C-alpha atoms as a PDB file:
ATOM      1  CA  MET A   1      38.212  19.415  -4.459  1.00  0.00           C
ATOM      2  CA  ILE A   2      38.581  17.752  -1.087  1.00  0.00           C
ATOM      3  CA  ALA A   3      34.826  17.940  -0.539  1.00  0.00           C
ATOM      4  CA  ASP A   4      34.267  16.204  -3.885  1.00  0.00           C
ATOM      5  CA  ILE A   5      36.686  13.418  -2.962  1.00  0.00           C
ATOM      6  CA  LYS A   6      34.966  12.940   0.425  1.00  0.00           C
ATOM      7  CA  LYS A   7      31.535  12.889  -1.223  1.00  0.00           C
ATOM      8  CA  GLN A   8      32.625  10.338  -3.847  1.00  0.00           C
ATOM      9  CA  THR A   9      34.261   8.202  -1.182  1.00  0.00           C
ATOM     10  CA  ASP A  10      31.126   8.232   0.964  1.00  0.00           C
ATOM     11  CA  GLN A  11      28.945   7.309  -2.023  1.00  0.00           C
ATOM     12  CA  LYS A  12      31.251   4.441  -3.014  1.00  0.00           C
ATOM     13  CA  MET A  13      31.313   3.114   0.550  1.00  0.00           C
ATOM     14  CA  GLN A  14      27.505   3.244   0.745  1.00  0.00           C
ATOM     15  CA  LYS A  15      27.298   1.394  -2.567  1.00  0.00           C
ATOM     16  CA  SER A  16      29.676  -1.283  -1.241  1.00  0.00           C
ATOM     17  CA  LEU A  17      27.488  -1.670   1.858  1.00  0.00           C
ATOM     18  CA  GLU A  18      24.361  -2.008  -0.316  1.00  0.00           C
ATOM     19  CA  ASN A  19      26.057  -4.669  -2.457  1.00  0.00           C
ATOM     20  CA  LEU A  20      27.057  -6.583   0.661  1.00  0.00           C
ATOM     21  CA  LYS A  21      23.506  -6.345   2.021  1.00  0.00           C
ATOM     22  CA  ASN A  22      22.176  -7.788  -1.267  1.00  0.00           C
ATOM     23  CA  ASP A  23      24.772 -10.578  -1.237  1.00  0.00           C
ATOM     24  CA  LEU A  24      23.932 -11.488   2.362  1.00  0.00           C
ATOM     25  CA  GLY A  25      20.240 -11.491   1.481  1.00  0.00           C
ATOM     26  CA  LYS A  26      20.854 -14.239  -1.061  1.00  0.00           C
ATOM     27  CA  ILE A  27      22.343 -16.544   1.570  1.00  0.00           C
ATOM     28  CA  ARG A  28      19.483 -18.735   2.559  1.00  0.00           C
ATOM     29  CA  THR A  29      18.491 -19.474   6.090  1.00  0.00           C
ATOM     30  CA  GLY A  30      15.822 -21.909   7.216  1.00  0.00           C
ATOM     31  CA  ARG A  31      13.092 -19.381   6.444  1.00  0.00           C
ATOM     32  CA  ALA A  32      11.717 -18.633   3.010  1.00  0.00           C
ATOM     33  CA  HIS A  33      11.958 -15.210   1.417  1.00  0.00           C
ATOM     34  CA  THR A  34      11.367 -14.238  -2.172  1.00  0.00           C
ATOM     35  CA  GLY A  35      14.807 -12.651  -2.627  1.00  0.00           C
ATOM     36  CA  ILE A  36      16.400 -16.104  -2.628  1.00  0.00           C
ATOM     37  CA  ILE A  37      15.306 -16.799  -6.198  1.00  0.00           C
ATOM     38  CA  ASP A  38      15.624 -13.258  -7.615  1.00  0.00           C
ATOM     39  CA  HIS A  39      18.786 -14.114  -9.560  1.00  0.00           C
ATOM     40  CA  VAL A  40      17.333 -17.306 -11.121  1.00  0.00           C
ATOM     41  CA  MET A  41      17.132 -16.974 -14.912  1.00  0.00           C
ATOM     42  CA  VAL A  42      14.311 -18.648 -16.871  1.00  0.00           C
ATOM     43  CA  ASP A  43      14.579 -19.604 -20.540  1.00  0.00           C
ATOM     44  CA  TYR A  44      11.826 -17.329 -21.899  1.00  0.00           C
ATOM     45  CA  TYR A  45      11.420 -18.028 -25.621  1.00  0.00           C
ATOM     46  CA  GLY A  46      15.147 -18.576 -26.052  1.00  0.00           C
ATOM     47  CA  SER A  47      16.477 -15.711 -23.945  1.00  0.00           C
ATOM     48  CA  PRO A  48      17.453 -15.890 -20.261  1.00  0.00           C
ATOM     49  CA  THR A  49      15.079 -13.695 -18.264  1.00  0.00           C
ATOM     50  CA  PRO A  50      14.930 -13.050 -14.490  1.00  0.00           C
ATOM     51  CA  ILE A  51      12.221 -15.125 -12.833  1.00  0.00           C
ATOM     52  CA  THR A  52      10.533 -11.997 -11.457  1.00  0.00           C
ATOM     53  CA  GLN A  53       9.784 -10.870 -15.028  1.00  0.00           C
ATOM     54  CA  VAL A  54       8.001 -14.077 -16.061  1.00  0.00           C
ATOM     55  CA  ALA A  55       6.233 -15.005 -12.810  1.00  0.00           C
ATOM     56  CA  ASN A  56       4.687 -13.661  -9.635  1.00  0.00           C
ATOM     57  CA  VAL A  57       6.836 -14.711  -6.644  1.00  0.00           C
ATOM     58  CA  THR A  58       5.088 -14.850  -3.253  1.00  0.00           C
ATOM     59  CA  LEU A  59       5.414 -16.466   0.166  1.00  0.00           C
ATOM     60  CA  VAL A  60       2.890 -19.231   0.722  1.00  0.00           C
ATOM     61  CA  ASP A  61       3.974 -19.700   4.346  1.00  0.00           C
ATOM     62  CA  ALA A  62       7.135 -19.336   6.450  1.00  0.00           C
ATOM     63  CA  ARG A  63       8.899 -22.244   4.725  1.00  0.00           C
ATOM     64  CA  THR A  64       7.354 -22.215   1.222  1.00  0.00           C
ATOM     65  CA  ILE A  65       7.751 -19.894  -1.758  1.00  0.00           C
ATOM     66  CA  GLY A  66       5.062 -19.826  -4.425  1.00  0.00           C
ATOM     67  CA  VAL A  67       5.870 -18.956  -8.043  1.00  0.00           C
ATOM     68  CA  GLN A  68       2.955 -18.369 -10.416  1.00  0.00           C
ATOM     69  CA  PRO A  69       4.053 -17.846 -14.049  1.00  0.00           C
ATOM     70  CA  TYR A  70       2.151 -15.229 -16.027  1.00  0.00           C
ATOM     71  CA  GLU A  71       1.812 -17.742 -18.886  1.00  0.00           C
ATOM     72  CA  LYS A  72       0.703 -21.315 -18.142  1.00  0.00           C
ATOM     73  CA  LYS A  73       3.141 -22.843 -20.641  1.00  0.00           C
ATOM     74  CA  MET A  74       6.076 -21.314 -18.702  1.00  0.00           C
ATOM     75  CA  LEU A  75       5.335 -23.530 -15.666  1.00  0.00           C
ATOM     76  CA  SER A  76       7.785 -26.290 -16.623  1.00  0.00           C
ATOM     77  CA  ALA A  77      10.487 -23.772 -17.687  1.00  0.00           C
ATOM     78  CA  VAL A  78      10.234 -21.988 -14.325  1.00  0.00           C
ATOM     79  CA  GLU A  79      10.373 -25.277 -12.427  1.00  0.00           C
ATOM     80  CA  LYS A  80      13.403 -26.420 -14.459  1.00  0.00           C
ATOM     81  CA  ALA A  81      15.226 -23.098 -13.923  1.00  0.00           C
ATOM     82  CA  ILE A  82      14.758 -23.296 -10.146  1.00  0.00           C
ATOM     83  CA  ARG A  83      15.836 -26.931 -10.034  1.00  0.00           C
ATOM     84  CA  ASP A  84      18.947 -26.209 -12.167  1.00  0.00           C
ATOM     85  CA  SER A  85      19.979 -23.175 -10.105  1.00  0.00           C
ATOM     86  CA  ASP A  86      22.760 -23.454  -7.519  1.00  0.00           C
ATOM     87  CA  LEU A  87      20.308 -23.100  -4.627  1.00  0.00           C
ATOM     88  CA  GLY A  88      19.687 -26.781  -3.963  1.00  0.00           C
ATOM     89  CA  LEU A  89      15.909 -26.337  -3.985  1.00  0.00           C
ATOM     90  CA  ASN A  90      13.393 -28.934  -5.159  1.00  0.00           C
ATOM     91  CA  PRO A  91      10.302 -27.227  -6.642  1.00  0.00           C
ATOM     92  CA  SER A  92       7.063 -29.042  -7.441  1.00  0.00           C
ATOM     93  CA  SER A  93       4.079 -27.813  -9.435  1.00  0.00           C
ATOM     94  CA  PHE A  94       0.500 -27.811  -8.198  1.00  0.00           C
ATOM     95  CA  GLY A  95      -1.869 -26.708 -10.962  1.00  0.00           C
ATOM     96  CA  GLU A  96      -0.787 -23.221 -12.027  1.00  0.00           C
ATOM     97  CA  ILE A  97       1.712 -22.600  -9.231  1.00  0.00           C
ATOM     98  CA  VAL A  98       5.213 -23.898  -8.482  1.00  0.00           C
ATOM     99  CA  ARG A  99       5.753 -24.494  -4.775  1.00  0.00           C
ATOM    100  CA  ILE A 100       9.296 -24.370  -3.406  1.00  0.00           C
ATOM    101  CA  PRO A 101       9.616 -25.840   0.086  1.00  0.00           C
ATOM    102  CA  MET A 102      12.664 -24.632   2.015  1.00  0.00           C
ATOM    103  CA  PRO A 103      14.465 -27.593   3.547  1.00  0.00           C
ATOM    104  CA  ALA A 104      15.542 -27.307   7.157  1.00  0.00           C
ATOM    105  CA  LEU A 105      19.244 -26.661   7.560  1.00  0.00           C
ATOM    106  CA  THR A 106      21.543 -29.188   9.223  1.00  0.00           C
ATOM    107  CA  GLU A 107      24.107 -28.052  11.782  1.00  0.00           C
ATOM    108  CA  GLU A 108      26.933 -28.706   9.323  1.00  0.00           C
ATOM    109  CA  ARG A 109      25.197 -26.661   6.614  1.00  0.00           C
ATOM    110  CA  ARG A 110      24.641 -23.811   9.091  1.00  0.00           C
ATOM    111  CA  LYS A 111      28.370 -23.743   9.856  1.00  0.00           C
ATOM    112  CA  ASP A 112      29.166 -23.695   6.127  1.00  0.00           C
ATOM    113  CA  LEU A 113      26.743 -20.807   5.656  1.00  0.00           C
ATOM    114  CA  THR A 114      28.394 -18.960   8.557  1.00  0.00           C
ATOM    115  CA  LYS A 115      31.753 -19.331   6.794  1.00  0.00           C
ATOM    116  CA  LEU A 116      30.149 -17.990   3.621  1.00  0.00           C
ATOM    117  CA  VAL A 117      28.735 -14.996   5.538  1.00  0.00           C
ATOM    118  CA  ARG A 118      32.184 -14.240   6.977  1.00  0.00           C
ATOM    119  CA  SER A 119      33.754 -14.530   3.539  1.00  0.00           C
ATOM    120  CA  GLU A 120      31.207 -12.133   1.998  1.00  0.00           C
ATOM    121  CA  CYS A 121      31.748  -9.660   4.847  1.00  0.00           C
ATOM    122  CA  GLU A 122      35.520  -9.837   4.409  1.00  0.00           C
ATOM    123  CA  ASN A 123      35.039  -9.081   0.704  1.00  0.00           C
ATOM    124  CA  GLY A 124      32.948  -6.075   1.763  1.00  0.00           C
ATOM    125  CA  ARG A 125      35.712  -4.875   4.100  1.00  0.00           C
ATOM    126  CA  VAL A 126      38.258  -5.223   1.292  1.00  0.00           C
ATOM    127  CA  ALA A 127      36.020  -3.173  -1.005  1.00  0.00           C
ATOM    128  CA  ILE A 128      35.727  -0.440   1.646  1.00  0.00           C
ATOM    129  CA  ARG A 129      39.516  -0.416   2.153  1.00  0.00           C
ATOM    130  CA  ASN A 130      40.052  -0.157  -1.606  1.00  0.00           C
ATOM    131  CA  VAL A 131      37.765   2.888  -1.720  1.00  0.00           C
ATOM    132  CA  ARG A 132      39.772   4.413   1.148  1.00  0.00           C
ATOM    133  CA  ARG A 133      43.066   3.710  -0.632  1.00  0.00           C
ATOM    134  CA  ASP A 134      41.831   5.340  -3.846  1.00  0.00           C
ATOM    135  CA  ALA A 135      40.639   8.442  -1.981  1.00  0.00           C
ATOM    136  CA  ILE A 136      43.908   8.829  -0.089  1.00  0.00           C
ATOM    137  CA  THR A 137      45.834   8.435  -3.364  1.00  0.00           C
ATOM    138  CA  GLN A 138      43.737  11.236  -4.875  1.00  0.00           C
ATOM    139  CA  LEU A 139      44.499  13.439  -1.851  1.00  0.00           C
ATOM    140  CA  LYS A 140      48.231  12.752  -2.106  1.00  0.00           C
ATOM    141  CA  ASP A 141      48.122  13.643  -5.808  1.00  0.00           C
ATOM    142  CA  LEU A 142      46.464  16.960  -4.922  1.00  0.00           C
ATOM    143  CA  LEU A 143      49.182  17.561  -2.318  1.00  0.00           C
ATOM    144  CA  LYS A 144      51.963  16.798  -4.830  1.00  0.00           C
ATOM    145  CA  ALA A 145      50.361  19.216  -7.313  1.00  0.00           C
ATOM    146  CA  LYS A 146      50.305  21.772  -4.466  1.00  0.00           C
ATOM    147  CA  ASP A 147      46.530  22.221  -4.893  1.00  0.00           C
ATOM    148  CA  VAL A 148      45.943  21.672  -1.147  1.00  0.00           C
ATOM    149  CA  SER A 149      47.962  22.275   1.998  1.00  0.00           C
ATOM    150  CA  GLU A 150      49.446  19.495   4.099  1.00  0.00           C
ATOM    151  CA  ASP A 151      47.058  20.315   6.952  1.00  0.00           C
ATOM    152  CA  ASP A 152      44.013  20.066   4.672  1.00  0.00           C
ATOM    153  CA  GLU A 153      45.269  16.785   3.235  1.00  0.00           C
ATOM    154  CA  ARG A 154      45.908  15.344   6.705  1.00  0.00           C
ATOM    155  CA  LYS A 155      42.462  16.447   7.958  1.00  0.00           C
ATOM    156  CA  ALA A 156      40.757  14.947   4.870  1.00  0.00           C
ATOM    157  CA  THR A 157      42.702  11.697   5.348  1.00  0.00           C
ATOM    158  CA  GLU A 158      41.484  11.519   8.953  1.00  0.00           C
ATOM    159  CA  ASP A 159      37.890  12.123   7.816  1.00  0.00           C
ATOM    160  CA  ILE A 160      38.168   9.370   5.215  1.00  0.00           C
ATOM    161  CA  GLN A 161      39.561   7.020   7.875  1.00  0.00           C
ATOM    162  CA  LYS A 162      36.540   7.828  10.082  1.00  0.00           C
ATOM    163  CA  MET A 163      34.205   7.005   7.171  1.00  0.00           C
ATOM    164  CA  THR A 164      36.091   3.746   6.685  1.00  0.00           C
ATOM    165  CA  ASP A 165      35.844   2.829  10.380  1.00  0.00           C
ATOM    166  CA  LYS A 166      32.106   3.596  10.360  1.00  0.00           C
ATOM    167  CA  SER A 167      31.540   1.426   7.267  1.00  0.00           C
ATOM    168  CA  VAL A 168      33.566  -1.472   8.677  1.00  0.00           C
ATOM    169  CA  ALA A 169      31.574  -1.273  11.928  1.00  0.00           C
ATOM    170  CA  GLU A 170      28.377  -1.427   9.839  1.00  0.00           C
ATOM    171  CA  ILE A 171      29.708  -4.545   8.080  1.00  0.00           C
ATOM    172  CA  ASP A 172      30.484  -6.137  11.454  1.00  0.00           C
ATOM    173  CA  LYS A 173      26.898  -5.453  12.590  1.00  0.00           C
ATOM    174  CA  MET A 174      25.489  -6.980   9.411  1.00  0.00           C
ATOM    175  CA  MET A 175      27.740 -10.022   9.839  1.00  0.00           C
ATOM    176  CA  ALA A 176      26.682 -10.572  13.451  1.00  0.00           C
ATOM    177  CA  ALA A 177      22.987 -10.264  12.536  1.00  0.00           C
ATOM    178  CA  LYS A 178      23.254 -12.656   9.583  1.00  0.00           C
ATOM    179  CA  GLU A 179      25.262 -15.215  11.580  1.00  0.00           C
ATOM    180  CA  ALA A 180      22.645 -15.144  14.330  1.00  0.00           C
ATOM    181  CA  GLU A 181      19.922 -15.610  11.697  1.00  0.00           C
ATOM    182  CA  VAL A 182      21.745 -18.541  10.092  1.00  0.00           C
ATOM    183  CA  MET A 183      22.487 -20.300  13.376  1.00  0.00           C
ATOM    184  CA  ALA A 184      18.941 -19.883  14.758  1.00  0.00           C
ATOM    185  CA  VAL A 185      17.106 -23.198  14.582  1.00  0.00           C
END
């Protein structure tokens, strides 16, 4: 039972770290990468569809993303979806491709993005702590039901705390790396 709780806790913590990594990937820096527009939804014949399902997204150069719709008539819908998204990007079409230049970040915008990175990382830490709390509650319930000894419960609690510390250290590393990336000119 304790092994199952530890395994579940580890899996949940890894999932929280993956979610944080994805969220940090969406925060744009001065460089272009295709993941920035992954969550943009295009109106595809009346239903919202992810942009990656209606177009080929590539990097034209370090500061430009190219989006080539699979159907020519989707060009204006793709351009409109990118413009209407919350990314602050200004796409323009050239023939069959939509080019999205990445504007250079101002110092003020970099500081705002750093605050956003810290906020996302704090949310990740909270998620990890919630997983720890749930696991410890499960262990205490086992102890109350006399399914495990106090020593086993205490040892499992220490192991879960070690997992938590390791995950929080991983979050701190991700935060430092992303902040350095955002602040690099």
